Amino acid sequence: MKMNFMVTMMKKMKLVICFVLLSVMTTRGNPQHSHSYSLEPVIQTVGRTYRTEVGGEVELECSVDNLGEMVQLWKRGARVLTAGKMKVRRDPRIRLRGTNLIVKKVEVEDGGEYECEVETDDEISITIRHRLEILVPPQVKPSPANGMVLVKKGTKVELRCDASGNPPPEVSWQKRNDVLSNLNHRIVGGALELYEINRKHDGVYVCVAEN
């Protein structure tokens, strides 16, 4: 019984060893079974927010590794701006520097989301998104337009100015040749409210907008 058991084990061991050697020889002897793997493209840049003034220039970054034969696109919304090295949108203010997109003489309408996309063999493309904010200096207009307000003594009045800009400006008030703290007043939603009107309230009020 012991003799048979040992013989059986030796046969199994020989079978295992032969199988391993056969596997190694098969792999070495048939190059057609070897596999080569190509690296997938990767966008190294992270999406961010860019800010520039009207008339300025901005460079939106999109660093791509292992692009190979894949096509890189720049898009704004559904509109394609560039495809590979080719400009699709005929705008002289737009050009490529490598894989980065440059926009010069920036206008307010250029603000929004820009997408860098790499088309791959997969159904889902590789993309990042940048946001471009256009900085606009503050502007103010009096309300009413002529800047003239007539009010009765003992009543109250609200002075307003229309302020615009990006980022939205903060509005403050001053009284020419006087100090507001000397007068009955309060600031309500950016408007100057004067109450219990008397002769001290006469004068010129200045709306200041800053961003």
Protein backbone atom coordinates (compact mmCIF):
# COMPACT_ATOMS: atom_id res chain seq x y z
CA MET A 1 0.00 0.00 0.00
CA LYS A 2 2.79 2.40 0.82
CA MET A 3 4.66 1.57 -2.38
CA ASN A 4 1.63 2.29 -4.56
CA PHE A 5 0.98 5.60 -2.85
CA MET A 6 4.51 6.88 -3.46
CA VAL A 7 4.48 5.88 -7.13
CA THR A 8 1.23 7.71 -7.66
CA MET A 9 2.62 10.91 -6.16
CA MET A 10 5.71 10.78 -8.34
CA LYS A 11 3.65 10.44 -11.46
CA LYS A 12 1.59 13.46 -10.53
CA MET A 13 4.69 15.51 -9.87
CA LYS A 14 6.17 14.62 -13.24
CA LEU A 15 2.95 15.59 -14.93
CA VAL A 16 2.93 18.98 -13.28
CA ILE A 17 6.55 19.72 -14.15
CA CYS A 18 6.02 18.78 -17.78
CA PHE A 19 3.00 21.05 -18.00
CA VAL A 20 4.94 24.07 -16.72
CA LEU A 21 7.81 23.53 -19.14
CA LEU A 22 5.42 23.12 -22.03
CA SER A 23 3.71 26.37 -21.19
CA VAL A 24 6.98 28.32 -21.15
CA MET A 25 8.16 26.83 -24.43
CA THR A 26 4.85 27.60 -26.11
CA THR A 27 5.00 31.25 -25.11
CA ARG A 28 8.59 31.68 -26.30
CA GLY A 29 8.12 29.78 -29.50
CA ASN A 30 5.02 31.65 -30.75
CA PRO A 31 5.57 35.42 -31.02
CA GLN A 32 2.14 35.73 -32.56
CA HIS A 33 0.63 35.27 -29.09
CA SER A 34 2.51 38.21 -27.52
CA HIS A 35 0.48 41.39 -26.89
CA SER A 36 1.54 45.03 -27.18
CA TYR A 37 -0.41 47.65 -25.27
CA SER A 38 -0.67 51.30 -26.41
CA LEU A 39 -1.01 54.00 -23.77
CA GLU A 40 -4.34 55.78 -23.59
CA PRO A 41 -4.38 59.60 -23.90
CA VAL A 42 -4.58 61.47 -20.60
CA ILE A 43 -5.45 65.12 -19.95
CA GLN A 44 -3.11 66.34 -17.22
CA THR A 45 -4.73 69.77 -16.82
CA VAL A 46 -7.49 70.33 -14.25
CA GLY A 47 -10.51 72.47 -15.11
CA ARG A 48 -10.45 75.94 -13.55
CA THR A 49 -11.87 79.46 -13.78
CA TYR A 50 -9.98 82.08 -15.77
CA ARG A 51 -10.58 85.82 -15.37
CA THR A 52 -9.53 88.60 -17.72
CA GLU A 53 -10.57 92.15 -18.50
CA VAL A 54 -12.35 93.27 -21.64
CA GLY A 55 -9.76 93.69 -24.39
CA GLY A 56 -7.29 91.38 -22.66
CA GLU A 57 -5.83 88.02 -23.70
CA VAL A 58 -6.25 84.62 -22.07
CA GLU A 59 -4.65 81.20 -22.64
CA LEU A 60 -6.81 78.21 -21.71
CA GLU A 61 -4.57 75.25 -20.88
CA CYS A 62 -5.08 71.62 -21.87
CA SER A 63 -1.96 69.45 -21.54
CA VAL A 64 -2.47 66.04 -23.16
CA ASP A 65 -0.17 63.02 -22.76
CA ASN A 66 -0.12 60.09 -25.21
CA LEU A 67 -2.32 61.89 -27.75
CA GLY A 68 -0.96 59.74 -30.57
CA GLU A 69 -3.35 59.67 -33.52
CA MET A 70 -6.31 60.80 -31.43
CA VAL A 71 -7.94 64.18 -32.18
CA GLN A 72 -8.13 66.96 -29.62
CA LEU A 73 -11.02 69.42 -29.83
CA TRP A 74 -11.78 72.79 -28.26
CA LYS A 75 -15.48 73.50 -27.91
CA ARG A 76 -17.65 76.24 -26.53
CA GLY A 77 -21.06 74.83 -25.83
CA ALA A 78 -22.06 72.75 -28.87
CA ARG A 79 -19.82 74.77 -31.20
CA VAL A 80 -16.43 73.33 -32.20
CA LEU A 81 -13.64 75.94 -32.22
CA THR A 82 -10.67 73.76 -33.22
CA ALA A 83 -10.10 70.14 -34.27
CA GLY A 84 -6.52 68.94 -34.04
CA LYS A 85 -4.36 71.74 -35.47
CA MET A 86 -7.20 73.08 -37.63
CA LYS A 87 -9.31 76.12 -36.72
CA VAL A 88 -12.99 75.38 -37.28
CA ARG A 89 -14.34 78.75 -36.16
CA ARG A 90 -13.09 81.53 -38.42
CA ASP A 91 -12.30 84.05 -35.72
CA PRO A 92 -8.93 85.85 -36.04
CA ARG A 93 -8.87 86.36 -32.27
CA ILE A 94 -8.59 82.60 -31.65
CA ARG A 95 -5.45 80.50 -32.17
CA LEU A 96 -3.67 77.45 -30.78
CA ARG A 97 -0.39 77.25 -28.90
CA GLY A 98 0.37 73.55 -28.85
CA THR A 99 -2.79 72.10 -27.33
CA ASN A 100 -3.73 75.34 -25.50
CA LEU A 101 -6.40 77.73 -26.76
CA ILE A 102 -5.62 81.46 -26.89
CA VAL A 103 -8.31 84.13 -27.12
CA LYS A 104 -7.15 87.72 -27.58
CA LYS A 105 -9.04 91.03 -27.58
CA VAL A 106 -11.56 89.40 -25.28
CA GLU A 107 -15.15 90.64 -25.42
CA VAL A 108 -17.97 90.30 -22.89
CA GLU A 109 -19.64 87.74 -25.15
CA ASP A 110 -16.58 85.46 -24.90
CA GLY A 111 -17.42 84.58 -21.31
CA GLY A 112 -18.72 81.10 -20.49
CA GLU A 113 -17.60 77.46 -20.49
CA TYR A 114 -14.88 76.08 -22.77
CA GLU A 115 -14.31 72.34 -23.19
CA CYS A 116 -11.10 70.52 -24.12
CA GLU A 117 -11.99 67.09 -25.48
CA VAL A 118 -9.94 64.16 -26.76
CA GLU A 119 -11.74 61.72 -29.04
CA THR A 120 -10.82 58.11 -28.25
CA ASP A 121 -11.81 54.68 -29.50
CA ASP A 122 -14.13 54.36 -26.51
CA GLU A 123 -17.71 55.61 -26.53
CA ILE A 124 -16.93 58.17 -23.82
CA SER A 125 -14.46 60.90 -24.72
CA ILE A 126 -11.94 62.49 -22.31
CA THR A 127 -12.85 66.06 -21.39
CA ILE A 128 -12.12 68.94 -19.04
CA ARG A 129 -14.02 72.22 -18.72
CA HIS A 130 -12.76 75.74 -18.06
CA ARG A 131 -14.87 78.76 -17.20
CA LEU A 132 -13.94 82.18 -18.55
CA GLU A 133 -15.16 85.23 -16.63
CA ILE A 134 -14.85 88.65 -18.23
CA LEU A 135 -14.08 91.46 -15.80
CA VAL A 136 -16.02 94.63 -16.62
CA PRO A 137 -15.27 97.98 -14.91
CA PRO A 138 -18.21 99.36 -12.89
CA GLN A 139 -20.62 101.84 -14.40
CA VAL A 140 -23.36 103.81 -12.70
CA LYS A 141 -26.40 105.71 -13.92
CA PRO A 142 -28.68 107.89 -11.78
CA SER A 143 -32.31 106.97 -11.29
CA PRO A 144 -34.17 109.05 -12.45
CA ALA A 145 -31.92 109.65 -15.45
CA ASN A 146 -31.69 113.43 -14.92
CA GLY A 147 -30.57 112.94 -11.32
CA MET A 148 -33.02 115.55 -10.02
CA VAL A 149 -35.25 114.74 -7.02
CA LEU A 150 -37.76 117.13 -5.42
CA VAL A 151 -39.19 116.24 -2.00
CA LYS A 152 -41.36 117.89 0.66
CA LYS A 153 -40.11 118.74 4.12
CA GLY A 154 -40.91 116.12 6.77
CA THR A 155 -41.31 113.29 4.27
CA LYS A 156 -38.82 110.71 3.05
CA VAL A 157 -37.19 109.87 -0.27
CA GLU A 158 -35.18 106.98 -1.69
CA LEU A 159 -32.19 107.74 -3.94
CA ARG A 160 -31.13 105.00 -6.34
CA CYS A 161 -28.46 104.43 -8.96
CA ASP A 162 -28.18 101.61 -11.49
CA ALA A 163 -24.77 99.96 -11.11
CA SER A 164 -23.33 97.33 -13.46
CA GLY A 165 -20.05 95.47 -13.91
CA ASN A 166 -18.41 92.10 -13.33
CA PRO A 167 -17.96 91.12 -10.60
CA PRO A 168 -21.12 92.93 -9.45
CA PRO A 169 -20.01 96.21 -7.87
CA GLU A 170 -20.65 97.29 -4.29
CA VAL A 171 -22.50 100.60 -3.98
CA SER A 172 -21.83 103.27 -1.38
CA TRP A 173 -23.14 106.82 -0.91
CA GLN A 174 -21.57 110.18 -0.11
CA LYS A 175 -22.90 113.72 0.27
CA ARG A 176 -20.84 116.42 -1.30
CA ASN A 177 -19.54 118.98 1.22
CA ASP A 178 -21.18 117.12 4.10
CA VAL A 179 -21.15 113.91 6.12
CA LEU A 180 -24.04 111.45 5.87
CA SER A 181 -23.86 110.65 9.57
CA ASN A 182 -25.14 114.17 10.25
CA LEU A 183 -28.40 113.38 8.43
CA ASN A 184 -31.34 111.07 9.03
CA HIS A 185 -30.65 108.25 6.60
CA ARG A 186 -30.28 104.50 6.11
CA ILE A 187 -29.01 102.21 3.34
CA VAL A 188 -31.61 99.76 2.03
CA GLY A 189 -30.56 97.29 -0.69
CA GLY A 190 -27.96 99.67 -2.10
CA ALA A 191 -30.37 102.61 -2.13
CA LEU A 192 -30.02 105.67 0.10
CA GLU A 193 -33.16 106.45 2.08
CA LEU A 194 -33.45 109.93 3.59
CA TYR A 195 -36.23 110.49 6.12
CA GLU A 196 -37.63 113.36 8.20
CA ILE A 197 -36.42 115.62 5.42
CA ASN A 198 -35.27 119.13 6.38
CA ARG A 199 -33.12 121.85 4.82
CA LYS A 200 -29.92 120.03 5.86
CA HIS A 201 -30.77 117.33 3.32
CA ASP A 202 -30.48 119.75 0.40
CA GLY A 203 -27.45 119.12 -1.78
CA VAL A 204 -25.67 116.74 -4.12
CA TYR A 205 -25.44 113.02 -3.33
CA VAL A 206 -22.83 110.82 -4.97
CA CYS A 207 -23.30 107.12 -5.78
CA VAL A 208 -19.98 105.21 -5.82
CA ALA A 209 -19.68 101.75 -7.39
CA GLU A 210 -16.54 99.60 -6.87
CA ASN A 211 -15.55 96.08 -7.95
